[in-house]
Amino acid sequence: MMRRHYGDRLLKIILFGSYARGDFHDDSDVDYLVVLDEENVSPFTEVSATITARNAYYLDTFIPISVIVVSYSHYSTSNRIFYREVRKDGKCIYERGFKPLHQESRGVFSEC
């Protein structure tokens, strides 16, 4: 879903939160940080553009997805606690130039 939507702009997808830590439960959402290869990223516009696909995924799996979209420069240089924690504890499940990581855990990683 993400690779189709963002195409060549997509640099990486990072799983963070309870799924990355391994302490998720039945009501947990799946948190993704999407890093784009461009400077001027409008997070609201980018996330809004994925609503239809995320809703379809939820209707198929009943697993809610949260997506945050940022530029690589913002992600790599921001000193906010959120970004420091994602850089430290997040799991990179897709990086341009490498094959996506696939796992079978509730179908969460089946398509990056």
C-alpha atoms as a PDB file:
ATOM      1  CA  MET A   1       0.000   0.000   0.000  1.00  0.00           C
ATOM      2  CA  MET A   2       2.662   2.561   1.004  1.00  0.00           C
ATOM      3  CA  ARG A   3       5.088   1.695  -1.776  1.00  0.00           C
ATOM      4  CA  ARG A   4       2.351   1.991  -4.386  1.00  0.00           C
ATOM      5  CA  HIS A   5       1.144   5.314  -3.037  1.00  0.00           C
ATOM      6  CA  TYR A   6       4.493   7.063  -2.509  1.00  0.00           C
ATOM      7  CA  GLY A   7       6.483   5.455  -5.333  1.00  0.00           C
ATOM      8  CA  ASP A   8      10.045   6.747  -5.766  1.00  0.00           C
ATOM      9  CA  ARG A   9       9.560   9.336  -3.023  1.00  0.00           C
ATOM     10  CA  LEU A  10       9.497   6.585  -0.383  1.00  0.00           C
ATOM     11  CA  LEU A  11      12.806   6.154   1.452  1.00  0.00           C
ATOM     12  CA  LYS A  12      11.782   4.026   4.414  1.00  0.00           C
ATOM     13  CA  ILE A  13       8.941   2.786   6.550  1.00  0.00           C
ATOM     14  CA  ILE A  14       9.596   2.437  10.252  1.00  0.00           C
ATOM     15  CA  LEU A  15       7.357   0.504  12.605  1.00  0.00           C
ATOM     16  CA  PHE A  16       7.197   2.074  16.058  1.00  0.00           C
ATOM     17  CA  GLY A  17       5.098   1.787  19.185  1.00  0.00           C
ATOM     18  CA  SER A  18       3.721  -1.391  20.720  1.00  0.00           C
ATOM     19  CA  TYR A  19       4.197  -3.558  17.605  1.00  0.00           C
ATOM     20  CA  ALA A  20       7.858  -2.554  17.368  1.00  0.00           C
ATOM     21  CA  ARG A  21       8.373  -3.211  21.074  1.00  0.00           C
ATOM     22  CA  GLY A  22       6.477  -6.508  20.954  1.00  0.00           C
ATOM     23  CA  ASP A  23       4.010  -5.541  23.689  1.00  0.00           C
ATOM     24  CA  PHE A  24       0.928  -5.067  21.473  1.00  0.00           C
ATOM     25  CA  HIS A  25      -2.492  -6.422  22.384  1.00  0.00           C
ATOM     26  CA  ASP A  26      -5.769  -7.014  20.543  1.00  0.00           C
ATOM     27  CA  ASP A  27      -6.757  -3.332  20.675  1.00  0.00           C
ATOM     28  CA  SER A  28      -3.363  -1.961  19.596  1.00  0.00           C
ATOM     29  CA  ASP A  29      -2.980   0.068  16.454  1.00  0.00           C
ATOM     30  CA  VAL A  30      -0.009  -0.290  14.150  1.00  0.00           C
ATOM     31  CA  ASP A  31       2.164   2.822  14.026  1.00  0.00           C
ATOM     32  CA  TYR A  32       4.212   3.633  10.930  1.00  0.00           C
ATOM     33  CA  LEU A  33       6.593   6.497  10.303  1.00  0.00           C
ATOM     34  CA  VAL A  34       6.924   7.043   6.559  1.00  0.00           C
ATOM     35  CA  VAL A  35      10.106   8.845   5.509  1.00  0.00           C
ATOM     36  CA  LEU A  36      10.059  10.552   2.117  1.00  0.00           C
ATOM     37  CA  ASP A  37      12.967  11.607  -0.081  1.00  0.00           C
ATOM     38  CA  GLU A  38      11.963  15.240  -0.452  1.00  0.00           C
ATOM     39  CA  GLU A  39      12.298  18.414   1.562  1.00  0.00           C
ATOM     40  CA  ASN A  40       8.823  19.926   1.575  1.00  0.00           C
ATOM     41  CA  VAL A  41       6.549  17.310   3.084  1.00  0.00           C
ATOM     42  CA  SER A  42       3.096  18.315   4.257  1.00  0.00           C
ATOM     43  CA  PRO A  43       2.285  15.605   6.832  1.00  0.00           C
ATOM     44  CA  PHE A  44      -1.457  16.334   6.842  1.00  0.00           C
ATOM     45  CA  THR A  45      -1.726  16.217   3.044  1.00  0.00           C
ATOM     46  CA  GLU A  46       0.354  13.042   2.797  1.00  0.00           C
ATOM     47  CA  VAL A  47      -1.552  11.182   5.515  1.00  0.00           C
ATOM     48  CA  SER A  48      -4.921  12.348   4.179  1.00  0.00           C
ATOM     49  CA  ALA A  49      -4.048  10.858   0.805  1.00  0.00           C
ATOM     50  CA  THR A  50      -3.778   7.383   2.375  1.00  0.00           C
ATOM     51  CA  ILE A  51      -7.122   7.377   4.206  1.00  0.00           C
ATOM     52  CA  THR A  52      -8.974   5.247   1.648  1.00  0.00           C
ATOM     53  CA  ALA A  53      -6.275   2.570   1.594  1.00  0.00           C
ATOM     54  CA  ARG A  54      -5.952   2.552   5.391  1.00  0.00           C
ATOM     55  CA  ASN A  55      -9.724   2.246   5.810  1.00  0.00           C
ATOM     56  CA  ALA A  56      -9.850  -0.651   3.345  1.00  0.00           C
ATOM     57  CA  TYR A  57      -7.044  -2.383   5.252  1.00  0.00           C
ATOM     58  CA  TYR A  58      -8.908  -1.885   8.519  1.00  0.00           C
ATOM     59  CA  LEU A  59     -12.137  -3.315   7.082  1.00  0.00           C
ATOM     60  CA  ASP A  60     -10.203  -6.414   5.959  1.00  0.00           C
ATOM     61  CA  THR A  61      -8.161  -6.935   9.135  1.00  0.00           C
ATOM     62  CA  PHE A  62      -9.792  -4.892  11.929  1.00  0.00           C
ATOM     63  CA  ILE A  63      -6.324  -3.594  12.752  1.00  0.00           C
ATOM     64  CA  PRO A  64      -6.153   0.216  12.873  1.00  0.00           C
ATOM     65  CA  ILE A  65      -3.136   1.880  11.284  1.00  0.00           C
ATOM     66  CA  SER A  66      -1.577   5.208  12.261  1.00  0.00           C
ATOM     67  CA  VAL A  67       0.747   6.884   9.775  1.00  0.00           C
ATOM     68  CA  ILE A  68       3.079   9.833  10.276  1.00  0.00           C
ATOM     69  CA  VAL A  69       4.823  11.166   7.173  1.00  0.00           C
ATOM     70  CA  VAL A  70       8.027  13.231   7.327  1.00  0.00           C
ATOM     71  CA  SER A  71      10.966  14.245   5.174  1.00  0.00           C
ATOM     72  CA  TYR A  72      14.261  12.437   5.644  1.00  0.00           C
ATOM     73  CA  SER A  73      16.001  15.624   6.779  1.00  0.00           C
ATOM     74  CA  HIS A  74      13.346  16.267   9.433  1.00  0.00           C
ATOM     75  CA  TYR A  75      13.410  12.658  10.640  1.00  0.00           C
ATOM     76  CA  SER A  76      17.200  12.417  10.789  1.00  0.00           C
ATOM     77  CA  THR A  77      17.910  15.789  12.413  1.00  0.00           C
ATOM     78  CA  SER A  78      14.945  16.477  14.696  1.00  0.00           C
ATOM     79  CA  ASN A  79      15.826  16.523  18.370  1.00  0.00           C
ATOM     80  CA  ARG A  80      12.243  15.937  19.529  1.00  0.00           C
ATOM     81  CA  ILE A  81      11.852  13.049  21.951  1.00  0.00           C
ATOM     82  CA  PHE A  82       9.434  11.290  19.592  1.00  0.00           C
ATOM     83  CA  TYR A  83      11.959  11.141  16.733  1.00  0.00           C
ATOM     84  CA  ARG A  84      14.838  10.192  19.036  1.00  0.00           C
ATOM     85  CA  GLU A  85      12.770   7.268  20.344  1.00  0.00           C
ATOM     86  CA  VAL A  86      11.754   6.158  16.847  1.00  0.00           C
ATOM     87  CA  ARG A  87      15.412   6.306  15.705  1.00  0.00           C
ATOM     88  CA  LYS A  88      16.432   4.289  18.775  1.00  0.00           C
ATOM     89  CA  ASP A  89      13.605   1.732  19.085  1.00  0.00           C
ATOM     90  CA  GLY A  90      11.778   1.709  15.739  1.00  0.00           C
ATOM     91  CA  LYS A  91      12.043  -1.234  13.353  1.00  0.00           C
ATOM     92  CA  CYS A  92      12.785  -0.407   9.738  1.00  0.00           C
ATOM     93  CA  ILE A  93      10.472  -2.666   7.725  1.00  0.00           C
ATOM     94  CA  TYR A  94      11.201  -1.133   4.331  1.00  0.00           C
ATOM     95  CA  GLU A  95      14.131   0.821   2.966  1.00  0.00           C
ATOM     96  CA  ARG A  96      14.557   1.821  -0.651  1.00  0.00           C
ATOM     97  CA  GLY A  97      17.097  -0.440  -2.306  1.00  0.00           C
ATOM     98  CA  PHE A  98      16.447  -3.312   0.093  1.00  0.00           C
ATOM     99  CA  LYS A  99      13.711  -5.931   0.105  1.00  0.00           C
ATOM    100  CA  PRO A 100      10.860  -5.284   2.536  1.00  0.00           C
ATOM    101  CA  LEU A 101      10.788  -7.268   5.746  1.00  0.00           C
ATOM    102  CA  HIS A 102       7.804  -9.621   5.810  1.00  0.00           C
ATOM    103  CA  GLN A 103       6.336 -11.215   8.911  1.00  0.00           C
ATOM    104  CA  GLU A 104       3.138 -13.121   9.488  1.00  0.00           C
ATOM    105  CA  SER A 105       2.107 -11.447  12.759  1.00  0.00           C
ATOM    106  CA  ARG A 106      -1.589 -10.648  12.161  1.00  0.00           C
ATOM    107  CA  GLY A 107      -0.761  -9.717   8.571  1.00  0.00           C
ATOM    108  CA  VAL A 108       0.670  -6.392   9.676  1.00  0.00           C
ATOM    109  CA  PHE A 109       3.839  -6.536   7.605  1.00  0.00           C
ATOM    110  CA  SER A 110       2.522  -8.451   4.642  1.00  0.00           C
ATOM    111  CA  GLU A 111       2.639  -5.410   2.371  1.00  0.00           C
ATOM    112  CA  CYS A 112       4.785  -2.350   2.984  1.00  0.00           C
END
